[in-house]
PDB file of N, CA and C in Angstrom:
ATOM      1  N   MET A   1     279.439 -38.630 159.597  1.00  0.00           N
ATOM      2  CA  MET A   1     279.706 -39.917 159.584  1.00  0.00           C
ATOM      3  C   MET A   1     280.797 -40.147 158.556  1.00  0.00           C
ATOM      4  N   SER A   2     282.294 -39.877 158.445  1.00  0.00           N
ATOM      5  CA  SER A   2     283.231 -40.486 157.650  1.00  0.00           C
ATOM      6  C   SER A   2     283.801 -41.524 157.927  1.00  0.00           C
ATOM      7  N   ASP A   3     284.109 -42.305 157.052  1.00  0.00           N
ATOM      8  CA  ASP A   3     284.619 -43.808 156.532  1.00  0.00           C
ATOM      9  C   ASP A   3     285.989 -43.645 155.808  1.00  0.00           C
ATOM     10  N   GLN A   4     286.828 -44.224 155.738  1.00  0.00           N
ATOM     11  CA  GLN A   4     288.217 -44.069 154.835  1.00  0.00           C
ATOM     12  C   GLN A   4     288.584 -45.422 154.409  1.00  0.00           C
ATOM     13  N   VAL A   5     288.913 -45.684 153.405  1.00  0.00           N
ATOM     14  CA  VAL A   5     289.253 -46.827 152.942  1.00  0.00           C
ATOM     15  C   VAL A   5     290.189 -46.361 151.686  1.00  0.00           C
ATOM     16  N   ALA A   6     290.969 -47.715 151.868  1.00  0.00           N
ATOM     17  CA  ALA A   6     292.370 -47.528 151.276  1.00  0.00           C
ATOM     18  C   ALA A   6     292.316 -48.448 150.170  1.00  0.00           C
ATOM     19  N   ILE A   7     292.719 -48.061 149.162  1.00  0.00           N
ATOM     20  CA  ILE A   7     292.702 -49.217 147.876  1.00  0.00           C
ATOM     21  C   ILE A   7     293.841 -49.338 147.043  1.00  0.00           C
ATOM     22  N   GLU A   8     294.060 -50.476 146.498  1.00  0.00           N
ATOM     23  CA  GLU A   8     295.549 -50.603 145.904  1.00  0.00           C
ATOM     24  C   GLU A   8     295.132 -50.374 144.372  1.00  0.00           C
ATOM     25  N   VAL A   9     296.118 -49.660 144.010  1.00  0.00           N
ATOM     26  CA  VAL A   9     296.044 -49.407 142.670  1.00  0.00           C
ATOM     27  C   VAL A   9     297.261 -49.947 141.637  1.00  0.00           C
ATOM     28  N   ILE A  10     296.994 -50.905 140.754  1.00  0.00           N
ATOM     29  CA  ILE A  10     297.742 -51.598 140.141  1.00  0.00           C
ATOM     30  C   ILE A  10     299.188 -50.999 139.595  1.00  0.00           C
ATOM     31  N   GLU A  11     298.776 -49.693 138.829  1.00  0.00           N
ATOM     32  CA  GLU A  11     299.745 -48.665 138.791  1.00  0.00           C
ATOM     33  C   GLU A  11     300.000 -47.868 139.210  1.00  0.00           C
ATOM     34  N   GLY A  12     300.796 -47.136 139.769  1.00  0.00           N
ATOM     35  CA  GLY A  12     301.119 -45.579 140.368  1.00  0.00           C
ATOM     36  C   GLY A  12     300.886 -45.783 141.645  1.00  0.00           C
ATOM     37  N   PRO A  13     300.931 -44.861 142.459  1.00  0.00           N
ATOM     38  CA  PRO A  13     300.815 -44.589 144.372  1.00  0.00           C
ATOM     39  C   PRO A  13     299.310 -45.253 144.502  1.00  0.00           C
ATOM     40  N   SER A  14     299.431 -45.268 146.002  1.00  0.00           N
ATOM     41  CA  SER A  14     297.841 -46.010 146.196  1.00  0.00           C
ATOM     42  C   SER A  14     297.091 -44.720 146.313  1.00  0.00           C
ATOM     43  N   ILE A  15     295.799 -44.865 146.450  1.00  0.00           N
ATOM     44  CA  ILE A  15     294.422 -44.098 146.558  1.00  0.00           C
ATOM     45  C   ILE A  15     293.507 -43.926 147.860  1.00  0.00           C
ATOM     46  N   THR A  16     293.627 -42.614 148.683  1.00  0.00           N
ATOM     47  CA  THR A  16     292.665 -42.787 149.521  1.00  0.00           C
ATOM     48  C   THR A  16     291.575 -42.330 149.472  1.00  0.00           C
ATOM     49  N   VAL A  17     290.531 -42.840 149.501  1.00  0.00           N
ATOM     50  CA  VAL A  17     288.941 -42.495 148.961  1.00  0.00           C
ATOM     51  C   VAL A  17     288.669 -42.223 150.372  1.00  0.00           C
ATOM     52  N   GLU A  18     287.653 -40.632 150.367  1.00  0.00           N
ATOM     53  CA  GLU A  18     287.050 -40.618 151.886  1.00  0.00           C
ATOM     54  C   GLU A  18     285.593 -40.674 151.605  1.00  0.00           C
ATOM     55  N   VAL A  19     284.551 -41.484 151.871  1.00  0.00           N
ATOM     56  CA  VAL A  19     283.460 -41.393 151.609  1.00  0.00           C
ATOM     57  C   VAL A  19     282.578 -40.348 153.072  1.00  0.00           C
ATOM     58  N   VAL A  20     281.974 -39.345 152.750  1.00  0.00           N
ATOM     59  CA  VAL A  20     281.341 -38.300 153.762  1.00  0.00           C
ATOM     60  C   VAL A  20     279.819 -38.175 153.220  1.00  0.00           C
ATOM     61  N   GLU A  21     279.103 -38.411 154.541  1.00  0.00           N
ATOM     62  CA  GLU A  21     277.979 -38.144 154.252  1.00  0.00           C
ATOM     63  C   GLU A  21     277.664 -36.912 154.506  1.00  0.00           C
ATOM     64  N   ASP A  22     276.953 -36.310 153.829  1.00  0.00           N
ATOM     65  CA  ASP A  22     276.252 -34.743 153.764  1.00  0.00           C
ATOM     66  C   ASP A  22     274.802 -34.666 153.126  1.00  0.00           C
ATOM     67  N   GLY A  23     274.245 -34.420 154.647  1.00  0.00           N
ATOM     68  CA  GLY A  23     272.605 -34.429 154.203  1.00  0.00           C
ATOM     69  C   GLY A  23     272.012 -35.579 153.638  1.00  0.00           C
ATOM     70  N   GLY A  24     272.724 -36.742 153.569  1.00  0.00           N
ATOM     71  CA  GLY A  24     272.064 -37.954 152.793  1.00  0.00           C
ATOM     72  C   GLY A  24     272.655 -38.307 151.647  1.00  0.00           C
ATOM     73  N   VAL A  25     273.569 -37.319 150.908  1.00  0.00           N
ATOM     74  CA  VAL A  25     273.946 -37.420 149.905  1.00  0.00           C
ATOM     75  C   VAL A  25     275.545 -37.763 149.926  1.00  0.00           C
ATOM     76  N   GLU A  26     275.860 -38.919 149.622  1.00  0.00           N
ATOM     77  CA  GLU A  26     277.297 -39.566 149.692  1.00  0.00           C
ATOM     78  C   GLU A  26     278.360 -38.391 148.811  1.00  0.00           C
ATOM     79  N   VAL A  27     279.257 -38.129 149.113  1.00  0.00           N
ATOM     80  CA  VAL A  27     280.671 -37.550 148.923  1.00  0.00           C
ATOM     81  C   VAL A  27     281.682 -38.389 148.755  1.00  0.00           C
ATOM     82  N   VAL A  28     282.451 -38.520 147.132  1.00  0.00           N
ATOM     83  CA  VAL A  28     283.596 -39.301 147.414  1.00  0.00           C
ATOM     84  C   VAL A  28     284.811 -37.842 147.040  1.00  0.00           C
ATOM     85  N   GLU A  29     285.310 -38.154 147.615  1.00  0.00           N
ATOM     86  CA  GLU A  29     286.455 -37.456 147.670  1.00  0.00           C
ATOM     87  C   GLU A  29     287.903 -38.238 147.338  1.00  0.00           C
ATOM     88  N   VAL A  30     288.939 -37.805 146.353  1.00  0.00           N
ATOM     89  CA  VAL A  30     289.586 -38.470 145.943  1.00  0.00           C
ATOM     90  C   VAL A  30     291.007 -37.973 145.857  1.00  0.00           C
ATOM     91  N   ILE A  31     291.878 -38.030 147.240  1.00  0.00           N
ATOM     92  CA  ILE A  31     292.809 -37.830 147.553  1.00  0.00           C
ATOM     93  C   ILE A  31     294.332 -38.751 146.960  1.00  0.00           C
ATOM     94  N   HIS A  32     294.745 -38.054 145.873  1.00  0.00           N
ATOM     95  CA  HIS A  32     295.929 -38.865 145.046  1.00  0.00           C
ATOM     96  C   HIS A  32     297.091 -37.889 145.059  1.00  0.00           C
ATOM     97  N   PRO A  33     298.299 -38.187 146.285  1.00  0.00           N
ATOM     98  CA  PRO A  33     299.371 -37.359 146.058  1.00  0.00           C
ATOM     99  C   PRO A  33     300.264 -37.402 145.076  1.00  0.00           C
ATOM    100  N   GLY A  34     301.021 -36.291 144.406  1.00  0.00           N
ATOM    101  CA  GLY A  34     301.728 -36.061 143.454  1.00  0.00           C
ATOM    102  C   GLY A  34     302.947 -36.156 143.986  1.00  0.00           C
ATOM    103  N   PRO A  35     303.813 -36.646 142.967  1.00  0.00           N
ATOM    104  CA  PRO A  35     305.357 -36.810 143.278  1.00  0.00           C
ATOM    105  C   PRO A  35     306.070 -35.575 143.777  1.00  0.00           C
ATOM    106  N   GLN A  36     306.895 -36.081 144.993  1.00  0.00           N
ATOM    107  CA  GLN A  36     308.096 -35.549 145.570  1.00  0.00           C
ATOM    108  C   GLN A  36     308.588 -34.065 144.431  1.00  0.00           C
ATOM    109  N   GLY A  37     308.583 -32.915 144.859  1.00  0.00           N
ATOM    110  CA  GLY A  37     308.945 -32.074 144.049  1.00  0.00           C
ATOM    111  C   GLY A  37     310.447 -31.990 144.595  1.00  0.00           C
ATOM    112  N   PRO A  38     311.537 -30.726 143.934  1.00  0.00           N
ATOM    113  CA  PRO A  38     313.157 -30.968 144.025  1.00  0.00           C
ATOM    114  C   PRO A  38     313.119 -30.186 145.184  1.00  0.00           C
ATOM    115  N   ALA A  39     314.055 -30.664 146.052  1.00  0.00           N
ATOM    116  CA  ALA A  39     314.669 -29.894 147.475  1.00  0.00           C
ATOM    117  C   ALA A  39     315.203 -29.064 147.085  1.00  0.00           C
ATOM    118  N   GLY A  40     315.220 -27.767 147.694  1.00  0.00           N
ATOM    119  CA  GLY A  40     315.756 -26.323 147.811  1.00  0.00           C
ATOM    120  C   GLY A  40     316.187 -25.824 146.279  1.00  0.00           C
ATOM    121  N   GLY A  41     314.844 -25.754 145.290  1.00  0.00           N
ATOM    122  CA  GLY A  41     315.133 -25.409 144.262  1.00  0.00           C
ATOM    123  C   GLY A  41     316.296 -25.768 143.325  1.00  0.00           C
ATOM    124  N   VAL A  42     316.267 -27.146 143.243  1.00  0.00           N
ATOM    125  CA  VAL A  42     317.363 -27.892 142.404  1.00  0.00           C
ATOM    126  C   VAL A  42     317.204 -27.624 140.626  1.00  0.00           C
ATOM    127  N   SER A  43     318.025 -26.908 139.770  1.00  0.00           N
ATOM    128  CA  SER A  43     317.920 -26.956 138.437  1.00  0.00           C
ATOM    129  C   SER A  43     319.033 -27.072 137.815  1.00  0.00           C
ATOM    130  N   TYR A  44     319.001 -27.551 136.590  1.00  0.00           N
ATOM    131  CA  TYR A  44     319.717 -28.073 136.016  1.00  0.00           C
ATOM    132  C   TYR A  44     319.980 -26.931 134.432  1.00  0.00           C
ATOM    133  N   ILE A  45     321.005 -26.808 134.133  1.00  0.00           N
ATOM    134  CA  ILE A  45     321.407 -26.064 132.787  1.00  0.00           C
ATOM    135  C   ILE A  45     322.152 -26.485 131.592  1.00  0.00           C
ATOM    136  N   TYR A  46     321.741 -26.853 130.524  1.00  0.00           N
ATOM    137  CA  TYR A  46     321.723 -27.691 129.603  1.00  0.00           C
ATOM    138  C   TYR A  46     322.552 -26.490 128.668  1.00  0.00           C
ATOM    139  N   GLN A  47     323.390 -26.763 128.126  1.00  0.00           N
ATOM    140  CA  GLN A  47     323.882 -25.377 126.572  1.00  0.00           C
ATOM    141  C   GLN A  47     323.990 -26.163 125.668  1.00  0.00           C
ATOM    142  N   GLN A  48     323.108 -25.942 124.545  1.00  0.00           N
ATOM    143  CA  GLN A  48     323.472 -26.459 123.202  1.00  0.00           C
ATOM    144  C   GLN A  48     324.177 -25.555 122.144  1.00  0.00           C
ATOM    145  N   ALA A  49     325.616 -25.732 121.922  1.00  0.00           N
ATOM    146  CA  ALA A  49     326.296 -24.895 121.473  1.00  0.00           C
ATOM    147  C   ALA A  49     326.203 -24.599 119.734  1.00  0.00           C
ATOM    148  N   THR A  50     326.052 -25.863 118.952  1.00  0.00           N
ATOM    149  CA  THR A  50     325.818 -25.940 117.965  1.00  0.00           C
ATOM    150  C   THR A  50     324.455 -26.042 117.491  1.00  0.00           C
ATOM    151  N   PRO A  51     323.706 -25.446 116.495  1.00  0.00           N
ATOM    152  CA  PRO A  51     322.126 -25.710 115.822  1.00  0.00           C
ATOM    153  C   PRO A  51     321.806 -27.055 115.822  1.00  0.00           C
ATOM    154  N   SER A  52     320.867 -27.456 116.588  1.00  0.00           N
ATOM    155  CA  SER A  52     320.584 -29.138 116.510  1.00  0.00           C
ATOM    156  C   SER A  52     318.984 -29.056 116.581  1.00  0.00           C
ATOM    157  N   SER A  53     318.501 -29.674 115.650  1.00  0.00           N
ATOM    158  CA  SER A  53     317.038 -30.181 115.474  1.00  0.00           C
ATOM    159  C   SER A  53     316.440 -31.203 117.008  1.00  0.00           C
ATOM    160  N   SER A  54     317.714 -31.528 117.689  1.00  0.00           N
ATOM    161  CA  SER A  54     317.544 -32.771 118.865  1.00  0.00           C
ATOM    162  C   SER A  54     318.429 -32.703 119.775  1.00  0.00           C
ATOM    163  N   TRP A  55     317.602 -32.103 121.249  1.00  0.00           N
ATOM    164  CA  TRP A  55     318.690 -31.428 122.381  1.00  0.00           C
ATOM    165  C   TRP A  55     318.017 -32.976 123.443  1.00  0.00           C
ATOM    166  N   VAL A  56     319.332 -34.061 123.525  1.00  0.00           N
ATOM    167  CA  VAL A  56     319.111 -34.944 124.512  1.00  0.00           C
ATOM    168  C   VAL A  56     319.443 -34.273 125.714  1.00  0.00           C
ATOM    169  N   ILE A  57     319.067 -34.314 126.412  1.00  0.00           N
ATOM    170  CA  ILE A  57     319.463 -34.034 128.197  1.00  0.00           C
ATOM    171  C   ILE A  57     319.444 -34.776 128.780  1.00  0.00           C
ATOM    172  N   ASN A  58     320.712 -35.410 129.238  1.00  0.00           N
ATOM    173  CA  ASN A  58     320.703 -36.022 130.427  1.00  0.00           C
ATOM    174  C   ASN A  58     320.861 -35.486 131.904  1.00  0.00           C
ATOM    175  N   HIS A  59     320.093 -35.080 132.564  1.00  0.00           N
ATOM    176  CA  HIS A  59     320.147 -34.350 133.421  1.00  0.00           C
ATOM    177  C   HIS A  59     319.879 -34.820 135.414  1.00  0.00           C
ATOM    178  N   ASN A  60     319.687 -36.177 134.948  1.00  0.00           N
ATOM    179  CA  ASN A  60     319.930 -37.310 136.374  1.00  0.00           C
ATOM    180  C   ASN A  60     319.344 -36.272 137.711  1.00  0.00           C
ATOM    181  N   LEU A  61     317.665 -35.420 137.382  1.00  0.00           N
ATOM    182  CA  LEU A  61     317.511 -35.000 138.865  1.00  0.00           C
ATOM    183  C   LEU A  61     316.460 -35.813 139.292  1.00  0.00           C
ATOM    184  N   GLY A  62     316.027 -36.805 138.585  1.00  0.00           N
ATOM    185  CA  GLY A  62     315.238 -37.722 139.429  1.00  0.00           C
ATOM    186  C   GLY A  62     313.936 -37.464 139.266  1.00  0.00           C
ATOM    187  N   TYR A  63     313.141 -36.610 138.373  1.00  0.00           N
ATOM    188  CA  TYR A  63     311.680 -36.366 138.241  1.00  0.00           C
ATOM    189  C   TYR A  63     311.880 -35.482 136.895  1.00  0.00           C
ATOM    190  N   ARG A  64     310.505 -35.793 136.432  1.00  0.00           N
ATOM    191  CA  ARG A  64     310.139 -34.998 135.233  1.00  0.00           C
ATOM    192  C   ARG A  64     310.120 -33.480 135.421  1.00  0.00           C
ATOM    193  N   PRO A  65     311.248 -32.496 135.159  1.00  0.00           N
ATOM    194  CA  PRO A  65     311.495 -31.099 135.228  1.00  0.00           C
ATOM    195  C   PRO A  65     310.584 -30.779 134.660  1.00  0.00           C
ATOM    196  N   ALA A  66     310.442 -29.025 134.938  1.00  0.00           N
ATOM    197  CA  ALA A  66     309.776 -27.842 133.625  1.00  0.00           C
ATOM    198  C   ALA A  66     311.094 -27.623 133.201  1.00  0.00           C
ATOM    199  N   VAL A  67     310.905 -27.109 132.119  1.00  0.00           N
ATOM    200  CA  VAL A  67     312.022 -26.875 130.809  1.00  0.00           C
ATOM    201  C   VAL A  67     311.659 -25.360 130.339  1.00  0.00           C
ATOM    202  N   GLU A  68     312.525 -24.474 130.396  1.00  0.00           N
ATOM    203  CA  GLU A  68     312.232 -23.238 129.630  1.00  0.00           C
ATOM    204  C   GLU A  68     313.633 -23.114 128.545  1.00  0.00           C
ATOM    205  N   LEU A  69     313.158 -22.760 127.295  1.00  0.00           N
ATOM    206  CA  LEU A  69     314.095 -22.603 126.437  1.00  0.00           C
ATOM    207  C   LEU A  69     314.305 -21.483 126.283  1.00  0.00           C
ATOM    208  N   LEU A  70     315.764 -20.970 125.883  1.00  0.00           N
ATOM    209  CA  LEU A  70     316.110 -19.912 125.478  1.00  0.00           C
ATOM    210  C   LEU A  70     317.290 -20.138 123.958  1.00  0.00           C
ATOM    211  N   ASP A  71     317.204 -19.067 122.886  1.00  0.00           N
ATOM    212  CA  ASP A  71     317.719 -19.362 121.908  1.00  0.00           C
ATOM    213  C   ASP A  71     319.424 -18.413 122.387  1.00  0.00           C
ATOM    214  N   THR A  72     320.151 -18.160 121.368  1.00  0.00           N
ATOM    215  CA  THR A  72     321.582 -17.900 121.630  1.00  0.00           C
ATOM    216  C   THR A  72     321.387 -16.170 122.132  1.00  0.00           C
ATOM    217  N   GLY A  73     320.144 -15.823 121.563  1.00  0.00           N
ATOM    218  CA  GLY A  73     319.920 -14.182 121.873  1.00  0.00           C
ATOM    219  C   GLY A  73     319.203 -14.106 123.144  1.00  0.00           C
ATOM    220  N   SER A  74     318.836 -15.379 123.969  1.00  0.00           N
ATOM    221  CA  SER A  74     318.082 -15.142 125.197  1.00  0.00           C
ATOM    222  C   SER A  74     316.707 -14.886 124.752  1.00  0.00           C
ATOM    223  N   GLN A  75     316.215 -15.280 123.875  1.00  0.00           N
ATOM    224  CA  GLN A  75     314.812 -14.778 123.393  1.00  0.00           C
ATOM    225  C   GLN A  75     314.253 -16.429 123.821  1.00  0.00           C
ATOM    226  N   GLU A  76     312.758 -16.504 124.436  1.00  0.00           N
ATOM    227  CA  GLU A  76     312.432 -17.538 124.838  1.00  0.00           C
ATOM    228  C   GLU A  76     311.902 -18.381 123.124  1.00  0.00           C
ATOM    229  N   ILE A  77     311.586 -19.685 123.261  1.00  0.00           N
ATOM    230  CA  ILE A  77     311.525 -20.452 122.502  1.00  0.00           C
ATOM    231  C   ILE A  77     310.839 -21.603 122.402  1.00  0.00           C
ATOM    232  N   ASP A  78     309.951 -22.163 121.632  1.00  0.00           N
ATOM    233  CA  ASP A  78     308.724 -23.310 122.068  1.00  0.00           C
ATOM    234  C   ASP A  78     309.488 -24.211 121.291  1.00  0.00           C
ATOM    235  N   ALA A  79     309.340 -25.436 121.594  1.00  0.00           N
ATOM    236  CA  ALA A  79     309.686 -26.674 121.303  1.00  0.00           C
ATOM    237  C   ALA A  79     308.975 -27.698 121.729  1.00  0.00           C
ATOM    238  N   GLU A  80     309.146 -29.091 121.043  1.00  0.00           N
ATOM    239  CA  GLU A  80     308.400 -30.032 121.475  1.00  0.00           C
ATOM    240  C   GLU A  80     309.520 -30.618 122.629  1.00  0.00           C
ATOM    241  N   VAL A  81     308.606 -30.858 123.680  1.00  0.00           N
ATOM    242  CA  VAL A  81     309.549 -31.370 125.280  1.00  0.00           C
ATOM    243  C   VAL A  81     308.670 -32.785 125.497  1.00  0.00           C
ATOM    244  N   ALA A  82     309.741 -33.664 125.696  1.00  0.00           N
ATOM    245  CA  ALA A  82     309.404 -35.229 125.914  1.00  0.00           C
ATOM    246  C   ALA A  82     310.370 -35.622 127.472  1.00  0.00           C
ATOM    247  N   HIS A  83     309.967 -36.546 128.191  1.00  0.00           N
ATOM    248  CA  HIS A  83     310.493 -36.561 129.134  1.00  0.00           C
ATOM    249  C   HIS A  83     310.356 -38.620 128.992  1.00  0.00           C
ATOM    250  N   PRO A  84     311.422 -38.723 128.396  1.00  0.00           N
ATOM    251  CA  PRO A  84     311.379 -40.241 128.451  1.00  0.00           C
ATOM    252  C   PRO A  84     311.736 -41.173 129.792  1.00  0.00           C
ATOM    253  N   SER A  85     312.363 -40.532 130.661  1.00  0.00           N
ATOM    254  CA  SER A  85     312.568 -41.017 132.502  1.00  0.00           C
ATOM    255  C   SER A  85     312.443 -39.951 132.891  1.00  0.00           C
ATOM    256  N   VAL A  86     312.636 -40.291 134.367  1.00  0.00           N
ATOM    257  CA  VAL A  86     312.994 -39.156 135.306  1.00  0.00           C
ATOM    258  C   VAL A  86     314.361 -38.631 135.383  1.00  0.00           C
ATOM    259  N   ASN A  87     315.152 -38.900 134.185  1.00  0.00           N
ATOM    260  CA  ASN A  87     316.421 -38.550 134.326  1.00  0.00           C
ATOM    261  C   ASN A  87     316.942 -37.988 132.878  1.00  0.00           C
ATOM    262  N   GLN A  88     316.079 -37.987 131.904  1.00  0.00           N
ATOM    263  CA  GLN A  88     316.260 -37.700 130.596  1.00  0.00           C
ATOM    264  C   GLN A  88     315.204 -36.855 130.068  1.00  0.00           C
ATOM    265  N   THR A  89     315.534 -35.794 129.251  1.00  0.00           N
ATOM    266  CA  THR A  89     314.730 -34.700 128.724  1.00  0.00           C
ATOM    267  C   THR A  89     315.191 -34.551 127.129  1.00  0.00           C
ATOM    268  N   ILE A  90     314.099 -34.619 126.300  1.00  0.00           N
ATOM    269  CA  ILE A  90     314.317 -34.570 124.745  1.00  0.00           C
ATOM    270  C   ILE A  90     313.616 -33.169 124.327  1.00  0.00           C
ATOM    271  N   VAL A  91     314.394 -32.312 123.576  1.00  0.00           N
ATOM    272  CA  VAL A  91     313.667 -31.248 123.082  1.00  0.00           C
ATOM    273  C   VAL A  91     313.941 -31.400 121.750  1.00  0.00           C
ATOM    274  N   THR A  92     312.728 -31.360 121.049  1.00  0.00           N
ATOM    275  CA  THR A  92     313.004 -31.353 119.937  1.00  0.00           C
ATOM    276  C   THR A  92     312.459 -30.242 118.622  1.00  0.00           C
ATOM    277  N   LEU A  93     313.453 -29.209 118.170  1.00  0.00           N
ATOM    278  CA  LEU A  93     313.323 -28.218 117.630  1.00  0.00           C
ATOM    279  C   LEU A  93     313.095 -28.045 116.244  1.00  0.00           C
ATOM    280  N   ASN A  94     312.190 -27.296 115.404  1.00  0.00           N
ATOM    281  CA  ASN A  94     312.250 -27.011 113.878  1.00  0.00           C
ATOM    282  C   ASN A  94     312.171 -25.453 113.461  1.00  0.00           C
ATOM    283  N   PRO A  95     313.337 -24.925 113.344  1.00  0.00           N
ATOM    284  CA  PRO A  95     314.238 -25.357 112.560  1.00  0.00           C
ATOM    285  C   PRO A  95     315.596 -25.985 113.821  1.00  0.00           C
ATOM    286  N   ALA A  96     316.474 -26.160 113.376  1.00  0.00           N
ATOM    287  CA  ALA A  96     317.775 -26.768 114.323  1.00  0.00           C
ATOM    288  C   ALA A  96     318.008 -25.040 114.615  1.00  0.00           C
ATOM    289  N   THR A  97     318.362 -25.314 116.133  1.00  0.00           N
ATOM    290  CA  THR A  97     318.560 -24.224 117.100  1.00  0.00           C
ATOM    291  C   THR A  97     319.448 -24.274 117.737  1.00  0.00           C
ATOM    292  N   ALA A  98     320.721 -23.241 118.618  1.00  0.00           N
ATOM    293  CA  ALA A  98     321.413 -23.609 119.539  1.00  0.00           C
ATOM    294  C   ALA A  98     320.777 -22.519 120.633  1.00  0.00           C
ATOM    295  N   GLY A  99     321.328 -23.219 121.885  1.00  0.00           N
ATOM    296  CA  GLY A  99     320.634 -21.885 123.029  1.00  0.00           C
ATOM    297  C   GLY A  99     321.146 -22.832 124.167  1.00  0.00           C
ATOM    298  N   LEU A 100     320.018 -22.540 125.015  1.00  0.00           N
ATOM    299  CA  LEU A 100     320.060 -23.279 126.300  1.00  0.00           C
ATOM    300  C   LEU A 100     318.825 -23.426 126.811  1.00  0.00           C
ATOM    301  N   ALA A 101     318.878 -24.553 127.835  1.00  0.00           N
ATOM    302  CA  ALA A 101     317.658 -25.033 128.257  1.00  0.00           C
ATOM    303  C   ALA A 101     317.476 -25.131 129.733  1.00  0.00           C
ATOM    304  N   ARG A 102     316.977 -24.253 130.652  1.00  0.00           N
ATOM    305  CA  ARG A 102     316.697 -24.220 132.371  1.00  0.00           C
ATOM    306  C   ARG A 102     315.773 -25.145 132.841  1.00  0.00           C
ATOM    307  N   LEU A 103     316.317 -26.402 133.703  1.00  0.00           N
ATOM    308  CA  LEU A 103     315.141 -27.255 133.550  1.00  0.00           C
ATOM    309  C   LEU A 103     315.182 -27.068 135.404  1.00  0.00           C
ATOM    310  N   THR A 104     313.713 -27.103 135.937  1.00  0.00           N
ATOM    311  CA  THR A 104     313.579 -27.067 137.235  1.00  0.00           C
ATOM    312  C   THR A 104     312.649 -27.767 137.848  1.00  0.00           C
TER     313      THR A 104
END
């Protein structure tokens, strides 16, 4: 026997909970769809020409992208990455660095 119950969530998308009986034990499976991914491999390239400790990237992709950071020598660099909205990414570096951000 399988019953499906829709639950309204106050914040975020709705969640479907499926209750399945398996040998007298009830199993609850929560199905929570994630956000729609980009269509067709959309990406955004940001160039920071002068060294800066904060890169504010207004990409307008409509989602929070994965971020790859490279310095001017094409070496991968680590930094703090924040997504204050689905259209903006802020990269914080120490020390100030110039380079490229590839958002996918």
